Amino acid sequence: MSHALVNREALDELRAVIGPEKLARIVDRFLLFLAEAFAGQDRAAADYGREAHTLVSMAGMLGCDALSRACRTLEEAAQAGDDLTDLLAEAERLRDRTLAALQNLQAEAGAGG
């Protein structure tokens, strides 16, 4: 499950560049942000678009490519004034799955894996 949602090679490359401690701090902050992403009902499309924009680069940097792509699509739809219902549902689904995958990877790393 994790491999489809999180590119381990991208994380390993980033770890090699910035070190494991800094990567762990970045992932921790990302997990906190991700846990709250797209929360709340009846928000303006522009709010979802801004949040999606932030997640595009954060998710991409951490190898969460599917989430990054979904957020890019959501951001573009919000800018175009399109209906966000289905795109938001897909982004939320990927958010939840990516959150779980990253937490699993953290647990593996913490266990020496």
Protein backbone atom coordinates (compact mmCIF):
# COMPACT_ATOMS: atom_id res chain seq x y z
CA MET A 1 0.00 0.00 0.00
CA SER A 2 2.72 2.47 0.99
CA HIS A 3 4.69 2.16 -2.21
CA ALA A 4 1.82 3.29 -4.41
CA LEU A 5 1.17 6.31 -2.19
CA VAL A 6 4.67 7.25 -1.06
CA ASN A 7 7.72 7.04 -3.29
CA ARG A 8 10.36 5.60 -0.95
CA GLU A 9 13.15 6.50 -3.37
CA ALA A 10 12.16 10.16 -3.20
CA LEU A 11 12.19 10.03 0.60
CA ASP A 12 15.55 8.26 0.61
CA GLU A 13 17.03 10.88 -1.72
CA LEU A 14 15.71 13.69 0.45
CA ARG A 15 17.04 11.94 3.58
CA ALA A 16 20.49 11.72 1.96
CA VAL A 17 20.46 15.46 1.23
CA ILE A 18 19.00 16.88 4.46
CA GLY A 19 19.62 14.10 6.97
CA PRO A 20 17.24 11.80 8.81
CA GLU A 21 16.47 14.15 11.71
CA LYS A 22 15.44 17.06 9.49
CA LEU A 23 13.39 14.74 7.26
CA ALA A 24 11.62 13.36 10.34
CA ARG A 25 10.73 16.90 11.45
CA ILE A 26 9.44 17.79 7.97
CA VAL A 27 7.35 14.62 7.78
CA ASP A 28 5.96 15.28 11.27
CA ARG A 29 4.88 18.80 10.26
CA PHE A 30 3.42 17.49 7.01
CA LEU A 31 1.41 14.84 8.90
CA LEU A 32 -0.03 17.51 11.19
CA PHE A 33 -0.98 19.69 8.23
CA LEU A 34 -2.34 16.71 6.31
CA ALA A 35 -4.53 15.59 9.21
CA GLU A 36 -6.38 18.93 9.05
CA ALA A 37 -6.36 19.37 5.27
CA PHE A 38 -9.75 20.01 3.64
CA ALA A 39 -11.50 19.96 7.03
CA GLY A 40 -14.75 21.80 7.45
CA GLN A 41 -17.83 22.01 5.33
CA ASP A 42 -19.22 24.94 3.39
CA ARG A 43 -15.86 26.49 2.66
CA ALA A 44 -15.31 28.64 -0.38
CA ALA A 45 -13.75 26.98 -3.41
CA ALA A 46 -10.85 29.42 -3.16
CA ASP A 47 -10.06 28.12 0.35
CA TYR A 48 -9.86 24.55 -0.93
CA GLY A 49 -7.78 25.76 -3.87
CA ARG A 50 -5.24 27.49 -1.62
CA GLU A 51 -4.98 24.46 0.63
CA ALA A 52 -4.57 22.20 -2.39
CA HIS A 53 -1.85 24.52 -3.76
CA THR A 54 0.13 24.17 -0.54
CA LEU A 55 -0.21 20.40 -0.61
CA VAL A 56 0.93 20.08 -4.23
CA SER A 57 4.51 21.03 -3.42
CA MET A 58 4.64 19.56 0.09
CA ALA A 59 3.31 16.20 -1.07
CA GLY A 60 5.49 16.21 -4.17
CA MET A 61 8.66 16.94 -2.19
CA LEU A 62 7.94 13.99 0.10
CA GLY A 63 7.20 11.56 -2.73
CA CYS A 64 3.42 11.52 -2.24
CA ASP A 65 2.85 11.78 -5.97
CA ALA A 66 -0.77 10.64 -6.19
CA LEU A 67 -1.83 13.13 -3.53
CA SER A 68 0.17 15.88 -5.21
CA ARG A 69 -1.52 15.19 -8.57
CA ALA A 70 -4.99 15.10 -7.00
CA CYS A 71 -4.32 18.39 -5.24
CA ARG A 72 -3.10 19.98 -8.49
CA THR A 73 -6.33 18.92 -10.20
CA LEU A 74 -8.39 20.25 -7.27
CA GLU A 75 -6.48 23.54 -7.29
CA GLU A 76 -7.03 24.01 -11.03
CA ALA A 77 -10.74 23.19 -10.74
CA ALA A 78 -11.13 25.67 -7.89
CA GLN A 79 -9.45 28.37 -9.97
CA ALA A 80 -11.72 27.58 -12.92
CA GLY A 81 -14.85 27.71 -10.76
CA ASP A 82 -15.69 24.07 -11.45
CA ASP A 83 -17.68 21.82 -9.13
CA LEU A 84 -15.27 20.41 -6.53
CA THR A 85 -17.45 17.69 -5.02
CA ASP A 86 -15.87 14.63 -6.65
CA LEU A 87 -12.36 16.08 -6.75
CA LEU A 88 -12.52 17.01 -3.09
CA ALA A 89 -13.75 13.53 -2.18
CA GLU A 90 -10.82 12.00 -4.09
CA ALA A 91 -8.32 14.37 -2.45
CA GLU A 92 -9.72 13.52 0.98
CA ARG A 93 -9.51 9.79 0.24
CA LEU A 94 -5.89 10.14 -0.87
CA ARG A 95 -5.16 12.38 2.12
CA ASP A 96 -6.35 9.67 4.50
CA ARG A 97 -4.52 6.86 2.72
CA THR A 98 -1.31 8.89 2.39
CA LEU A 99 -1.46 9.87 6.06
CA ALA A 100 -1.72 6.20 7.02
CA ALA A 101 1.08 5.20 4.63
CA LEU A 102 3.45 7.85 6.00
CA GLN A 103 2.62 6.87 9.57
CA ASN A 104 3.37 3.24 8.69
CA LEU A 105 6.71 4.26 7.19
CA GLN A 106 7.53 6.27 10.31
CA ALA A 107 6.70 3.25 12.48
CA GLU A 108 8.93 1.05 10.32
CA ALA A 109 11.78 3.56 10.57
CA GLY A 110 11.28 3.82 14.32
CA ALA A 111 11.46 0.04 14.59
CA GLY A 112 14.73 0.05 12.68
CA GLY A 113 13.09 -0.85 9.36
